[in-house]
Amino acid sequence: MMKMKFLPVFSFAVLASFTCSAQQAKNFGSAVGTNNLQDFTSIQMRESLVNAIVSNAQKSSSNADLSTIEGSPYYLDTFKKGNLYYKNDLLGSFYLRYNAFQDQMEIKNSDLSEEQFQFLVQSNEIKTVVEGKEIQYFSYVSADGLQGDSYCIKEFTGDTYVLYSNKRKKYSPGKSSTNSLAQSIPAKFIDDVSLFYGLKGDASLVAIPKKKKDFLEIFPSASRTAVKKYIRDKRLRPAKLSDLKSIFIYAERL
């Protein structure tokens, strides 16, 4: 079985105690100021904030040989340029990559392979936008009623509801053949995608229910009959993201 060494989750309380000194701003990234770029104090504060929400820990180590595992711990293997926000305030542009197996957002100044990446602190007050997709850390309740936390991708936002996808990767250990007739099963990373909804502005999400009756209870009682008919007439499946978005768009109009 593969053993992975994980970095600890850094407490977001560090934000409450950071100071705005040049010593703290260790030149991680070029923080983006407001319209008044001549205000050195403002720039210095942003640089300190960027350093506060980027962990000092470096790339995690592993005693697993990833070359022997089918698939990838990433949905996108390469770093992509994106924006980093704290409480909707733009802090700067960086190169970002989501490790879906470790559930960590990796961040660098450049896309140079020799530059070591670091991890963002996991907090709902921090978000990234990469290739037009908003990624944010949320608490959630799973389909099994279990509570958890993970990075989620915004898929839809309306006047009332929001939809997010949670795209993780699970590790499936391989299995050696017991005889010459049986084939060995290689270790691999497999996709693990969940869909969540929430009320606009909330910091927590709930998994899309699997049962139709439970799904319809998401909506106000006055709208359920119409939503049920819309799903039936259009032959939609709430478990499919494109269909789910269509349902919520329709429900928002009622």
Protein backbone atom coordinates (compact mmCIF):
# COMPACT_ATOMS: atom_id res chain seq x y z
CA MET A 1 0.00 0.00 0.00
CA MET A 2 1.30 3.44 -0.88
CA LYS A 3 2.28 5.63 2.04
CA MET A 4 2.21 9.35 1.55
CA LYS A 5 3.63 11.97 3.87
CA PHE A 6 1.28 14.93 4.11
CA LEU A 7 1.96 18.50 5.11
CA PRO A 8 0.01 19.73 8.10
CA VAL A 9 -2.93 22.06 7.54
CA PHE A 10 -1.72 25.50 8.59
CA SER A 11 -4.03 27.48 10.83
CA PHE A 12 -5.51 30.55 9.24
CA ALA A 13 -5.02 32.33 12.56
CA VAL A 14 -1.64 33.37 11.17
CA LEU A 15 -3.51 36.10 9.30
CA ALA A 16 -4.55 37.71 12.54
CA SER A 17 -0.99 38.14 13.69
CA PHE A 18 1.00 39.04 10.59
CA THR A 19 2.79 42.39 10.61
CA CYS A 20 3.56 44.61 7.70
CA SER A 21 7.34 44.73 7.80
CA ALA A 22 9.77 44.43 4.96
CA GLN A 23 11.42 41.53 6.77
CA GLN A 24 8.19 39.51 6.57
CA ALA A 25 7.63 40.19 2.90
CA LYS A 26 10.14 37.68 1.62
CA ASN A 27 9.45 38.47 -1.99
CA PHE A 28 7.05 35.62 -2.64
CA GLY A 29 5.17 36.97 -5.61
CA SER A 30 4.58 40.48 -6.78
CA ALA A 31 1.51 41.62 -4.89
CA VAL A 32 -0.96 43.67 -6.87
CA GLY A 33 -1.86 46.96 -5.25
CA THR A 34 -4.98 49.05 -5.56
CA ASN A 35 -5.20 51.94 -8.01
CA ASN A 36 -2.64 53.81 -5.88
CA LEU A 37 0.47 51.79 -6.68
CA GLN A 38 2.64 54.62 -5.36
CA ASP A 39 1.43 53.89 -1.84
CA PHE A 40 4.37 51.80 -0.63
CA THR A 41 2.67 50.92 2.67
CA SER A 42 -0.30 49.43 0.82
CA ILE A 43 1.96 47.33 -1.41
CA GLN A 44 4.02 46.23 1.59
CA MET A 45 0.87 45.15 3.44
CA ARG A 46 -0.27 43.11 0.46
CA GLU A 47 3.09 41.42 0.16
CA SER A 48 3.00 40.54 3.86
CA LEU A 49 -0.51 39.16 3.47
CA VAL A 50 0.53 37.01 0.51
CA ASN A 51 3.37 35.58 2.58
CA ALA A 52 1.00 34.96 5.48
CA ILE A 53 -1.38 32.82 3.41
CA VAL A 54 1.36 30.86 1.69
CA SER A 55 2.82 28.20 3.94
CA ASN A 56 6.55 28.12 4.57
CA ALA A 57 6.54 24.36 3.99
CA GLN A 58 7.92 23.17 0.71
CA LYS A 59 6.87 20.36 -1.58
CA SER A 60 5.67 17.30 0.30
CA SER A 61 7.79 14.20 0.20
CA SER A 62 6.65 10.72 -0.69
CA ASN A 63 8.24 7.33 -0.65
CA ALA A 64 5.96 6.26 -3.49
CA ASP A 65 7.25 6.08 -7.04
CA LEU A 66 4.55 7.95 -8.97
CA SER A 67 5.91 6.60 -12.25
CA THR A 68 4.57 3.16 -11.26
CA ILE A 69 1.05 4.48 -10.68
CA GLU A 70 -1.40 4.86 -13.54
CA GLY A 71 -2.99 8.27 -13.91
CA SER A 72 -2.09 11.47 -12.14
CA PRO A 73 -2.84 13.12 -8.77
CA TYR A 74 -3.74 16.21 -10.84
CA TYR A 75 -6.53 16.97 -13.29
CA LEU A 76 -4.18 19.51 -14.87
CA ASP A 77 -0.54 18.47 -14.58
CA THR A 78 0.90 21.86 -15.47
CA PHE A 79 0.82 25.09 -13.50
CA LYS A 80 -1.58 27.69 -14.89
CA LYS A 81 -1.45 31.42 -14.35
CA GLY A 82 -4.28 32.65 -12.18
CA ASN A 83 -5.32 35.26 -9.63
CA LEU A 84 -5.18 34.97 -5.85
CA TYR A 85 -7.82 36.70 -3.69
CA TYR A 86 -8.31 37.26 0.01
CA LYS A 87 -11.86 38.32 0.94
CA ASN A 88 -12.43 39.22 -2.74
CA ASP A 89 -9.40 41.54 -2.67
CA LEU A 90 -6.98 40.73 -5.49
CA LEU A 91 -3.52 40.01 -4.10
CA GLY A 92 -1.72 39.18 -7.31
CA SER A 93 -1.18 36.78 -10.20
CA PHE A 94 0.65 33.51 -9.64
CA TYR A 95 1.09 30.07 -11.15
CA LEU A 96 -1.29 27.60 -9.57
CA ARG A 97 -2.01 23.88 -9.65
CA TYR A 98 -4.49 21.82 -7.64
CA ASN A 99 -3.29 18.52 -6.22
CA ALA A 100 -6.57 16.60 -6.19
CA PHE A 101 -5.10 13.66 -4.27
CA GLN A 102 -3.66 15.68 -1.38
CA ASP A 103 -6.34 18.39 -1.65
CA GLN A 104 -3.72 21.14 -1.72
CA MET A 105 -3.44 24.25 -3.87
CA GLU A 106 0.15 24.62 -5.07
CA ILE A 107 1.49 28.08 -5.87
CA LYS A 108 4.62 29.48 -7.54
CA ASN A 109 5.88 32.79 -8.89
CA SER A 110 6.62 31.34 -12.32
CA ASP A 111 6.13 28.23 -14.41
CA LEU A 112 9.85 27.42 -14.30
CA SER A 113 10.36 23.77 -13.37
CA GLU A 114 13.29 24.57 -11.09
CA GLU A 115 11.16 26.78 -8.84
CA GLN A 116 9.81 24.90 -5.83
CA PHE A 117 6.10 25.29 -5.20
CA GLN A 118 4.45 26.04 -1.88
CA PHE A 119 0.94 25.45 -0.52
CA LEU A 120 -1.82 27.94 0.14
CA VAL A 121 -3.34 27.99 3.61
CA GLN A 122 -6.71 26.22 3.45
CA SER A 123 -9.39 28.81 4.23
CA ASN A 124 -12.75 29.84 2.83
CA GLU A 125 -11.54 33.45 2.83
CA ILE A 126 -8.94 32.63 0.17
CA LYS A 127 -9.88 31.85 -3.40
CA THR A 128 -8.15 31.46 -6.74
CA VAL A 129 -9.37 31.97 -10.28
CA VAL A 130 -7.64 29.81 -12.87
CA GLU A 131 -8.72 29.77 -16.54
CA GLY A 132 -11.99 31.41 -15.58
CA LYS A 133 -12.78 28.85 -12.85
CA GLU A 134 -13.17 30.03 -9.26
CA ILE A 135 -11.71 27.58 -6.72
CA GLN A 136 -12.36 27.99 -3.00
CA TYR A 137 -12.06 25.95 0.20
CA PHE A 138 -15.41 24.95 1.72
CA SER A 139 -16.87 22.98 4.59
CA TYR A 140 -19.49 20.55 3.35
CA VAL A 141 -21.91 17.78 4.28
CA SER A 142 -21.46 14.71 2.08
CA ALA A 143 -24.19 12.53 0.59
CA ASP A 144 -23.63 10.17 3.53
CA GLY A 145 -24.18 12.97 6.04
CA LEU A 146 -20.49 13.26 6.94
CA GLN A 147 -18.82 16.63 7.44
CA GLY A 148 -15.66 17.52 5.58
CA ASP A 149 -13.60 20.29 4.00
CA SER A 150 -12.17 20.50 0.51
CA TYR A 151 -11.42 22.71 -2.46
CA CYS A 152 -14.46 23.14 -4.72
CA ILE A 153 -14.94 24.67 -8.16
CA LYS A 154 -17.78 27.12 -8.74
CA GLU A 155 -20.00 25.90 -11.56
CA PHE A 156 -23.06 28.14 -11.24
CA THR A 157 -24.20 31.13 -9.22
CA GLY A 158 -27.72 32.50 -9.20
CA ASP A 159 -29.70 34.94 -7.10
CA THR A 160 -30.37 32.24 -4.48
CA TYR A 161 -28.28 29.16 -5.14
CA VAL A 162 -24.70 28.24 -6.01
CA LEU A 163 -23.38 24.98 -7.43
CA TYR A 164 -19.89 23.59 -6.92
CA SER A 165 -18.02 20.50 -8.06
CA ASN A 166 -15.46 18.76 -5.88
CA LYS A 167 -12.91 16.95 -8.05
CA ARG A 168 -10.68 14.72 -5.96
CA LYS A 169 -8.39 11.83 -6.84
CA LYS A 170 -8.36 8.56 -4.92
CA TYR A 171 -5.50 6.12 -4.77
CA SER A 172 -6.36 2.55 -5.67
CA PRO A 173 -3.60 0.11 -4.66
CA GLY A 174 -2.49 -2.48 -7.17
CA LYS A 175 -2.79 -6.21 -6.83
CA SER A 176 -0.15 -8.70 -7.84
CA SER A 177 -1.18 -11.81 -9.75
CA THR A 178 -1.29 -14.97 -7.68
CA ASN A 179 -0.60 -17.28 -10.60
CA SER A 180 0.36 -17.23 -14.28
CA LEU A 181 -3.28 -17.15 -15.41
CA ALA A 182 -4.28 -14.07 -13.44
CA GLN A 183 -3.29 -10.57 -14.49
CA SER A 184 -1.74 -8.06 -12.12
CA ILE A 185 -3.79 -4.94 -11.40
CA PRO A 186 -1.65 -1.79 -11.40
CA ALA A 187 -1.96 0.89 -8.74
CA LYS A 188 -3.73 3.97 -10.06
CA PHE A 189 -5.30 7.30 -9.30
CA ILE A 190 -9.04 7.35 -10.00
CA ASP A 191 -11.41 10.29 -10.38
CA ASP A 192 -13.73 11.04 -7.49
CA VAL A 193 -16.20 13.81 -8.36
CA SER A 194 -18.99 15.10 -6.12
CA LEU A 195 -21.54 17.86 -6.70
CA PHE A 196 -22.65 20.34 -4.05
CA TYR A 197 -25.14 23.16 -3.69
CA GLY A 198 -25.47 26.01 -1.23
CA LEU A 199 -27.14 29.31 -0.62
CA LYS A 200 -25.37 32.28 -2.13
CA GLY A 201 -22.97 33.82 0.36
CA ASP A 202 -22.76 30.80 2.67
CA ALA A 203 -19.39 29.28 3.60
CA SER A 204 -20.70 25.70 3.64
CA LEU A 205 -22.10 23.34 1.02
CA VAL A 206 -24.35 20.27 0.93
CA ALA A 207 -24.01 17.30 -1.41
CA ILE A 208 -26.65 16.92 -4.10
CA PRO A 209 -29.04 14.23 -2.78
CA LYS A 210 -29.14 10.96 -4.69
CA LYS A 211 -32.86 10.31 -4.21
CA LYS A 212 -35.28 12.33 -6.35
CA LYS A 213 -37.58 13.10 -3.41
CA ASP A 214 -34.69 14.45 -1.34
CA PHE A 215 -33.42 16.44 -4.31
CA LEU A 216 -36.75 18.18 -4.84
CA GLU A 217 -36.79 19.24 -1.19
CA ILE A 218 -33.90 21.59 -1.96
CA PHE A 219 -36.42 23.93 -3.53
CA PRO A 220 -39.35 25.81 -1.92
CA SER A 221 -42.53 23.73 -1.70
CA ALA A 222 -44.30 26.06 -4.14
CA SER A 223 -41.70 25.29 -6.83
CA ARG A 224 -41.29 21.52 -6.45
CA THR A 225 -44.09 20.44 -8.77
CA ALA A 226 -42.80 22.66 -11.57
CA VAL A 227 -39.19 21.53 -11.04
CA LYS A 228 -40.27 17.88 -11.01
CA LYS A 229 -42.16 18.33 -14.29
CA TYR A 230 -39.20 20.15 -15.86
CA ILE A 231 -36.85 17.29 -14.95
CA ARG A 232 -39.28 14.71 -16.36
CA ASP A 233 -40.04 16.59 -19.58
CA LYS A 234 -36.38 17.33 -20.31
CA ARG A 235 -35.22 13.88 -19.12
CA LEU A 236 -32.60 15.44 -16.87
CA ARG A 237 -30.34 13.70 -14.37
CA PRO A 238 -29.29 15.73 -11.31
CA ALA A 239 -26.14 13.59 -11.04
CA LYS A 240 -24.94 15.08 -14.36
CA LEU A 241 -23.43 18.55 -13.97
CA SER A 242 -24.84 20.06 -17.18
CA ASP A 243 -28.34 18.78 -16.30
CA LEU A 244 -28.00 19.99 -12.73
CA LYS A 245 -27.12 23.49 -13.89
CA SER A 246 -30.17 23.51 -16.18
CA ILE A 247 -32.42 22.52 -13.27
CA PHE A 248 -31.10 25.25 -10.98
CA ILE A 249 -31.29 27.88 -13.72
CA TYR A 250 -34.94 26.92 -14.24
CA ALA A 251 -35.68 26.91 -10.50
CA GLU A 252 -34.18 30.41 -10.14
CA ARG A 253 -36.74 31.71 -12.64
CA LEU A 254 -39.78 30.42 -10.76
